[in-house]
PDB file of N, CA and C in Angstrom:
ATOM      1  N   MET A   1      -2.494  12.401  -9.261  1.00  0.00           N
ATOM      2  CA  MET A   1      -2.954  10.942  -9.069  1.00  0.00           C
ATOM      3  C   MET A   1      -3.251  11.117  -7.609  1.00  0.00           C
ATOM      4  N   ALA A   2      -4.299   9.859  -7.138  1.00  0.00           N
ATOM      5  CA  ALA A   2      -4.209  10.031  -5.512  1.00  0.00           C
ATOM      6  C   ALA A   2      -3.999   9.899  -5.089  1.00  0.00           C
ATOM      7  N   LEU A   3      -3.128   9.846  -3.701  1.00  0.00           N
ATOM      8  CA  LEU A   3      -2.371   9.867  -2.612  1.00  0.00           C
ATOM      9  C   LEU A   3      -3.207   7.804  -3.061  1.00  0.00           C
ATOM     10  N   LYS A   4      -4.299   7.176  -2.359  1.00  0.00           N
ATOM     11  CA  LYS A   4      -3.807   5.880  -2.360  1.00  0.00           C
ATOM     12  C   LYS A   4      -4.157   5.168  -4.311  1.00  0.00           C
ATOM     13  N   ASN A   5      -3.692   5.995  -4.732  1.00  0.00           N
ATOM     14  CA  ASN A   5      -3.640   5.429  -6.528  1.00  0.00           C
ATOM     15  C   ASN A   5      -1.991   5.433  -5.726  1.00  0.00           C
ATOM     16  N   ARG A   6      -1.461   6.183  -5.133  1.00  0.00           N
ATOM     17  CA  ARG A   6       0.538   6.189  -5.417  1.00  0.00           C
ATOM     18  C   ARG A   6       0.787   4.926  -4.035  1.00  0.00           C
ATOM     19  N   VAL A   7       0.135   4.869  -3.443  1.00  0.00           N
ATOM     20  CA  VAL A   7       0.157   3.833  -2.285  1.00  0.00           C
ATOM     21  C   VAL A   7      -0.139   2.679  -3.245  1.00  0.00           C
ATOM     22  N   LEU A   8      -0.887   2.721  -3.870  1.00  0.00           N
ATOM     23  CA  LEU A   8      -1.253   1.443  -4.274  1.00  0.00           C
ATOM     24  C   LEU A   8       0.163   0.776  -5.560  1.00  0.00           C
ATOM     25  N   ALA A   9       0.586   1.824  -5.657  1.00  0.00           N
ATOM     26  CA  ALA A   9       0.925   1.941  -7.247  1.00  0.00           C
ATOM     27  C   ALA A   9       2.693   0.971  -6.611  1.00  0.00           C
ATOM     28  N   VAL A  10       2.732   1.801  -4.965  1.00  0.00           N
ATOM     29  CA  VAL A  10       4.064   1.120  -4.855  1.00  0.00           C
ATOM     30  C   VAL A  10       4.299  -0.609  -4.208  1.00  0.00           C
ATOM     31  N   LEU A  11       3.183  -0.790  -3.682  1.00  0.00           N
ATOM     32  CA  LEU A  11       3.066  -1.899  -3.239  1.00  0.00           C
ATOM     33  C   LEU A  11       2.566  -2.775  -4.283  1.00  0.00           C
ATOM     34  N   GLU A  12       2.009  -2.406  -5.361  1.00  0.00           N
ATOM     35  CA  GLU A  12       2.116  -3.372  -6.419  1.00  0.00           C
ATOM     36  C   GLU A  12       3.570  -3.455  -7.483  1.00  0.00           C
ATOM     37  N   GLU A  13       4.849  -2.680  -6.797  1.00  0.00           N
ATOM     38  CA  GLU A  13       5.926  -2.594  -7.609  1.00  0.00           C
ATOM     39  C   GLU A  13       7.069  -3.984  -6.929  1.00  0.00           C
ATOM     40  N   ASN A  14       6.165  -4.096  -5.617  1.00  0.00           N
ATOM     41  CA  ASN A  14       6.238  -4.721  -4.534  1.00  0.00           C
ATOM     42  C   ASN A  14       5.353  -6.476  -3.745  1.00  0.00           C
ATOM     43  N   LYS A  15       4.869  -6.719  -5.131  1.00  0.00           N
ATOM     44  CA  LYS A  15       4.007  -7.336  -4.830  1.00  0.00           C
ATOM     45  C   LYS A  15       4.153  -9.148  -4.164  1.00  0.00           C
ATOM     46  N   GLY A  16       3.766  -9.257  -2.950  1.00  0.00           N
ATOM     47  CA  GLY A  16       4.381 -10.115  -2.046  1.00  0.00           C
ATOM     48  C   GLY A  16       5.287  -9.877  -1.317  1.00  0.00           C
ATOM     49  N   LYS A  17       5.921  -8.893  -1.061  1.00  0.00           N
ATOM     50  CA  LYS A  17       6.995  -7.919  -0.444  1.00  0.00           C
ATOM     51  C   LYS A  17       6.661  -7.158   0.498  1.00  0.00           C
ATOM     52  N   ASN A  18       7.131  -7.603   2.087  1.00  0.00           N
ATOM     53  CA  ASN A  18       7.066  -6.090   2.650  1.00  0.00           C
ATOM     54  C   ASN A  18       7.601  -4.505   2.528  1.00  0.00           C
ATOM     55  N   VAL A  19       7.458  -3.955   2.824  1.00  0.00           N
ATOM     56  CA  VAL A  19       7.586  -2.258   1.990  1.00  0.00           C
ATOM     57  C   VAL A  19       7.256  -1.516   3.307  1.00  0.00           C
ATOM     58  N   SER A  20       7.977  -1.268   4.215  1.00  0.00           N
ATOM     59  CA  SER A  20       7.475  -0.334   5.641  1.00  0.00           C
ATOM     60  C   SER A  20       6.790   1.138   5.774  1.00  0.00           C
ATOM     61  N   GLY A  21       6.021   1.307   6.111  1.00  0.00           N
ATOM     62  CA  GLY A  21       5.866   2.506   5.980  1.00  0.00           C
ATOM     63  C   GLY A  21       5.881   3.733   5.670  1.00  0.00           C
ATOM     64  N   ASN A  22       7.453   3.878   5.981  1.00  0.00           N
ATOM     65  CA  ASN A  22       8.562   4.544   6.115  1.00  0.00           C
ATOM     66  C   ASN A  22       8.972   4.978   4.660  1.00  0.00           C
ATOM     67  N   ASP A  23       9.033   3.557   4.463  1.00  0.00           N
ATOM     68  CA  ASP A  23       9.791   3.686   2.922  1.00  0.00           C
ATOM     69  C   ASP A  23       8.573   4.151   1.594  1.00  0.00           C
ATOM     70  N   ILE A  24       7.134   3.404   1.987  1.00  0.00           N
ATOM     71  CA  ILE A  24       5.813   4.439   1.364  1.00  0.00           C
ATOM     72  C   ILE A  24       5.612   5.466   1.428  1.00  0.00           C
ATOM     73  N   ALA A  25       5.831   6.063   2.288  1.00  0.00           N
ATOM     74  CA  ALA A  25       5.445   7.849   3.179  1.00  0.00           C
ATOM     75  C   ALA A  25       6.763   8.405   2.294  1.00  0.00           C
ATOM     76  N   ALA A  26       7.738   8.015   2.334  1.00  0.00           N
ATOM     77  CA  ALA A  26       9.212   8.613   1.534  1.00  0.00           C
ATOM     78  C   ALA A  26       9.048   8.695  -0.293  1.00  0.00           C
ATOM     79  N   SER A  27       8.668   7.229  -0.544  1.00  0.00           N
ATOM     80  CA  SER A  27       8.842   7.131  -1.657  1.00  0.00           C
ATOM     81  C   SER A  27       7.517   8.008  -2.599  1.00  0.00           C
ATOM     82  N   VAL A  28       6.714   8.361  -1.310  1.00  0.00           N
ATOM     83  CA  VAL A  28       5.382   9.254  -2.527  1.00  0.00           C
ATOM     84  C   VAL A  28       5.276  10.960  -2.021  1.00  0.00           C
ATOM     85  N   GLY A  29       6.139  10.536  -1.209  1.00  0.00           N
ATOM     86  CA  GLY A  29       5.966  11.883  -0.513  1.00  0.00           C
ATOM     87  C   GLY A  29       4.237  12.205   0.135  1.00  0.00           C
ATOM     88  N   MET A  30       4.607  11.262   1.649  1.00  0.00           N
ATOM     89  CA  MET A  30       2.970  11.287   2.433  1.00  0.00           C
ATOM     90  C   MET A  30       3.522  11.430   3.933  1.00  0.00           C
ATOM     91  N   THR A  31       2.932  11.443   4.403  1.00  0.00           N
ATOM     92  CA  THR A  31       2.847  11.426   6.190  1.00  0.00           C
ATOM     93  C   THR A  31       2.990   9.591   6.418  1.00  0.00           C
ATOM     94  N   ARG A  32       3.237   8.823   7.398  1.00  0.00           N
ATOM     95  CA  ARG A  32       2.892   7.735   7.153  1.00  0.00           C
ATOM     96  C   ARG A  32       1.833   6.889   7.648  1.00  0.00           C
ATOM     97  N   SER A  33       0.828   8.879   8.422  1.00  0.00           N
ATOM     98  CA  SER A  33      -0.133   8.417   8.706  1.00  0.00           C
ATOM     99  C   SER A  33      -1.436   8.431   7.529  1.00  0.00           C
ATOM    100  N   ALA A  34      -0.474   9.150   6.692  1.00  0.00           N
ATOM    101  CA  ALA A  34      -1.146   9.403   5.666  1.00  0.00           C
ATOM    102  C   ALA A  34      -1.460   8.034   4.506  1.00  0.00           C
ATOM    103  N   VAL A  35      -0.404   7.072   5.016  1.00  0.00           N
ATOM    104  CA  VAL A  35      -0.547   6.236   4.020  1.00  0.00           C
ATOM    105  C   VAL A  35      -1.474   5.121   4.507  1.00  0.00           C
ATOM    106  N   TRP A  36      -1.533   5.111   6.579  1.00  0.00           N
ATOM    107  CA  TRP A  36      -2.023   3.540   6.900  1.00  0.00           C
ATOM    108  C   TRP A  36      -3.980   4.799   6.224  1.00  0.00           C
ATOM    109  N   LYS A  37      -3.894   5.686   6.008  1.00  0.00           N
ATOM    110  CA  LYS A  37      -4.786   6.171   5.430  1.00  0.00           C
ATOM    111  C   LYS A  37      -4.940   5.350   4.116  1.00  0.00           C
ATOM    112  N   ALA A  38      -4.567   5.333   3.947  1.00  0.00           N
ATOM    113  CA  ALA A  38      -4.379   4.944   2.526  1.00  0.00           C
ATOM    114  C   ALA A  38      -4.792   3.315   1.772  1.00  0.00           C
ATOM    115  N   VAL A  39      -4.320   3.193   2.673  1.00  0.00           N
ATOM    116  CA  VAL A  39      -4.285   1.348   2.842  1.00  0.00           C
ATOM    117  C   VAL A  39      -5.602   1.415   3.338  1.00  0.00           C
ATOM    118  N   LYS A  40      -5.996   1.554   4.121  1.00  0.00           N
ATOM    119  CA  LYS A  40      -6.989   1.357   5.100  1.00  0.00           C
ATOM    120  C   LYS A  40      -8.406   2.041   3.526  1.00  0.00           C
ATOM    121  N   GLN A  41      -8.089   2.210   2.927  1.00  0.00           N
ATOM    122  CA  GLN A  41      -9.410   2.875   1.634  1.00  0.00           C
ATOM    123  C   GLN A  41      -8.897   0.955   0.418  1.00  0.00           C
ATOM    124  N   LEU A  42      -7.545   1.286   0.439  1.00  0.00           N
ATOM    125  CA  LEU A  42      -7.882  -0.241  -0.721  1.00  0.00           C
ATOM    126  C   LEU A  42      -8.167  -1.034   0.250  1.00  0.00           C
ATOM    127  N   ARG A  43      -7.782  -0.968   1.256  1.00  0.00           N
ATOM    128  CA  ARG A  43      -8.797  -2.120   1.582  1.00  0.00           C
ATOM    129  C   ARG A  43     -10.622  -2.226   1.882  1.00  0.00           C
ATOM    130  N   ASN A  44     -11.167  -1.473   2.179  1.00  0.00           N
ATOM    131  CA  ASN A  44     -12.609  -1.510   2.127  1.00  0.00           C
ATOM    132  C   ASN A  44     -12.677  -1.090   0.396  1.00  0.00           C
ATOM    133  N   GLU A  45     -12.657  -1.669  -0.705  1.00  0.00           N
ATOM    134  CA  GLU A  45     -12.346  -1.981  -1.610  1.00  0.00           C
ATOM    135  C   GLU A  45     -12.319  -2.761  -2.182  1.00  0.00           C
ATOM    136  N   GLY A  46     -10.931  -3.251  -1.892  1.00  0.00           N
ATOM    137  CA  GLY A  46     -11.536  -5.267  -1.543  1.00  0.00           C
ATOM    138  C   GLY A  46      -9.859  -5.849  -2.407  1.00  0.00           C
ATOM    139  N   TYR A  47      -8.714  -5.075  -2.249  1.00  0.00           N
ATOM    140  CA  TYR A  47      -7.893  -5.202  -2.208  1.00  0.00           C
ATOM    141  C   TYR A  47      -7.295  -6.164  -0.212  1.00  0.00           C
ATOM    142  N   THR A  48      -5.624  -7.198  -0.618  1.00  0.00           N
ATOM    143  CA  THR A  48      -5.716  -7.505   0.200  1.00  0.00           C
ATOM    144  C   THR A  48      -4.580  -7.622   0.930  1.00  0.00           C
ATOM    145  N   ILE A  49      -3.899  -6.662   2.087  1.00  0.00           N
ATOM    146  CA  ILE A  49      -3.003  -5.924   2.378  1.00  0.00           C
ATOM    147  C   ILE A  49      -2.694  -6.376   3.409  1.00  0.00           C
ATOM    148  N   LEU A  50      -1.600  -7.068   3.838  1.00  0.00           N
ATOM    149  CA  LEU A  50      -1.049  -7.689   5.427  1.00  0.00           C
ATOM    150  C   LEU A  50      -0.157  -6.444   5.824  1.00  0.00           C
ATOM    151  N   ALA A  51      -0.347  -6.866   7.803  1.00  0.00           N
ATOM    152  CA  ALA A  51       0.716  -5.689   8.317  1.00  0.00           C
ATOM    153  C   ALA A  51       1.230  -5.811   9.615  1.00  0.00           C
ATOM    154  N   GLY A  52       1.994  -5.571   9.998  1.00  0.00           N
ATOM    155  CA  GLY A  52       2.933  -6.598  10.414  1.00  0.00           C
ATOM    156  C   GLY A  52       3.679  -5.042  11.530  1.00  0.00           C
ATOM    157  N   THR A  53       3.393  -5.280  12.352  1.00  0.00           N
ATOM    158  CA  THR A  53       4.576  -4.745  13.276  1.00  0.00           C
ATOM    159  C   THR A  53       5.500  -5.179  13.261  1.00  0.00           C
ATOM    160  N   ASN A  54       7.407  -3.752  12.881  1.00  0.00           N
ATOM    161  CA  ASN A  54       8.292  -4.220  12.412  1.00  0.00           C
ATOM    162  C   ASN A  54       8.088  -4.776  10.605  1.00  0.00           C
ATOM    163  N   LYS A  55       7.505  -4.982  10.453  1.00  0.00           N
ATOM    164  CA  LYS A  55       7.385  -5.694   9.042  1.00  0.00           C
ATOM    165  C   LYS A  55       6.196  -4.780   7.772  1.00  0.00           C
ATOM    166  N   GLY A  56       6.140  -4.319   8.269  1.00  0.00           N
ATOM    167  CA  GLY A  56       5.633  -2.963   6.802  1.00  0.00           C
ATOM    168  C   GLY A  56       4.319  -3.431   6.345  1.00  0.00           C
ATOM    169  N   TYR A  57       4.277  -2.956   5.053  1.00  0.00           N
ATOM    170  CA  TYR A  57       2.470  -3.271   4.241  1.00  0.00           C
ATOM    171  C   TYR A  57       2.712  -4.647   3.004  1.00  0.00           C
ATOM    172  N   CYS A  58       2.046  -4.886   3.117  1.00  0.00           N
ATOM    173  CA  CYS A  58       2.601  -6.538   1.536  1.00  0.00           C
ATOM    174  C   CYS A  58       1.397  -6.227   0.643  1.00  0.00           C
ATOM    175  N   LEU A  59       1.192  -6.706  -0.512  1.00  0.00           N
ATOM    176  CA  LEU A  59      -0.118  -6.132  -0.920  1.00  0.00           C
ATOM    177  C   LEU A  59       0.576  -7.752  -1.105  1.00  0.00           C
ATOM    178  N   THR A  60      -0.965  -8.850  -1.138  1.00  0.00           N
ATOM    179  CA  THR A  60      -0.594 -10.322  -1.351  1.00  0.00           C
ATOM    180  C   THR A  60      -0.786 -11.334  -2.836  1.00  0.00           C
ATOM    181  N   GLU A  61      -0.092 -11.421  -3.183  1.00  0.00           N
ATOM    182  CA  GLU A  61       0.056 -11.862  -4.974  1.00  0.00           C
ATOM    183  C   GLU A  61      -1.641 -12.329  -5.304  1.00  0.00           C
ATOM    184  N   ASP A  62      -2.737 -12.097  -3.964  1.00  0.00           N
ATOM    185  CA  ASP A  62      -3.762 -12.486  -4.516  1.00  0.00           C
ATOM    186  C   ASP A  62      -5.226 -11.435  -5.557  1.00  0.00           C
ATOM    187  N   ASN A  63      -4.229 -10.317  -4.989  1.00  0.00           N
ATOM    188  CA  ASN A  63      -4.626  -9.318  -5.845  1.00  0.00           C
ATOM    189  C   ASN A  63      -4.347  -9.192  -7.083  1.00  0.00           C
ATOM    190  N   ASP A  64      -5.875  -9.144  -8.344  1.00  0.00           N
ATOM    191  CA  ASP A  64      -5.271  -9.307  -9.373  1.00  0.00           C
ATOM    192  C   ASP A  64      -6.856  -8.585 -10.206  1.00  0.00           C
ATOM    193  N   PHE A  65      -7.202  -6.946  -9.802  1.00  0.00           N
ATOM    194  CA  PHE A  65      -7.615  -6.367 -10.124  1.00  0.00           C
ATOM    195  C   PHE A  65      -7.839  -5.339 -11.300  1.00  0.00           C
ATOM    196  N   LEU A  66      -8.910  -4.763 -12.821  1.00  0.00           N
ATOM    197  CA  LEU A  66      -8.076  -3.958 -13.341  1.00  0.00           C
ATOM    198  C   LEU A  66      -7.890  -2.786 -12.895  1.00  0.00           C
ATOM    199  N   SER A  67      -7.118  -1.574 -13.303  1.00  0.00           N
ATOM    200  CA  SER A  67      -7.340  -0.358 -12.585  1.00  0.00           C
ATOM    201  C   SER A  67      -7.713   0.890 -13.481  1.00  0.00           C
ATOM    202  N   GLU A  68      -7.673   1.336 -13.891  1.00  0.00           N
ATOM    203  CA  GLU A  68      -8.625   2.585 -14.642  1.00  0.00           C
ATOM    204  C   GLU A  68      -7.357   3.100 -15.766  1.00  0.00           C
TER     205      GLU A  68
END
């Protein structure tokens, strides 16, 4: 499974909630930098992912894409 798909899975499990980059990195076994790059790729694909200092990442409720 691609790294961005693993990050997306964590964000979908916590849809509408903030998840820290550290928590995502620990749960998928990658660095925070790799998480940031995966989030950037997901945003380029059309996902709305909010990010804030000391808040983490949040996949908004309006993301309703079909996945493979």
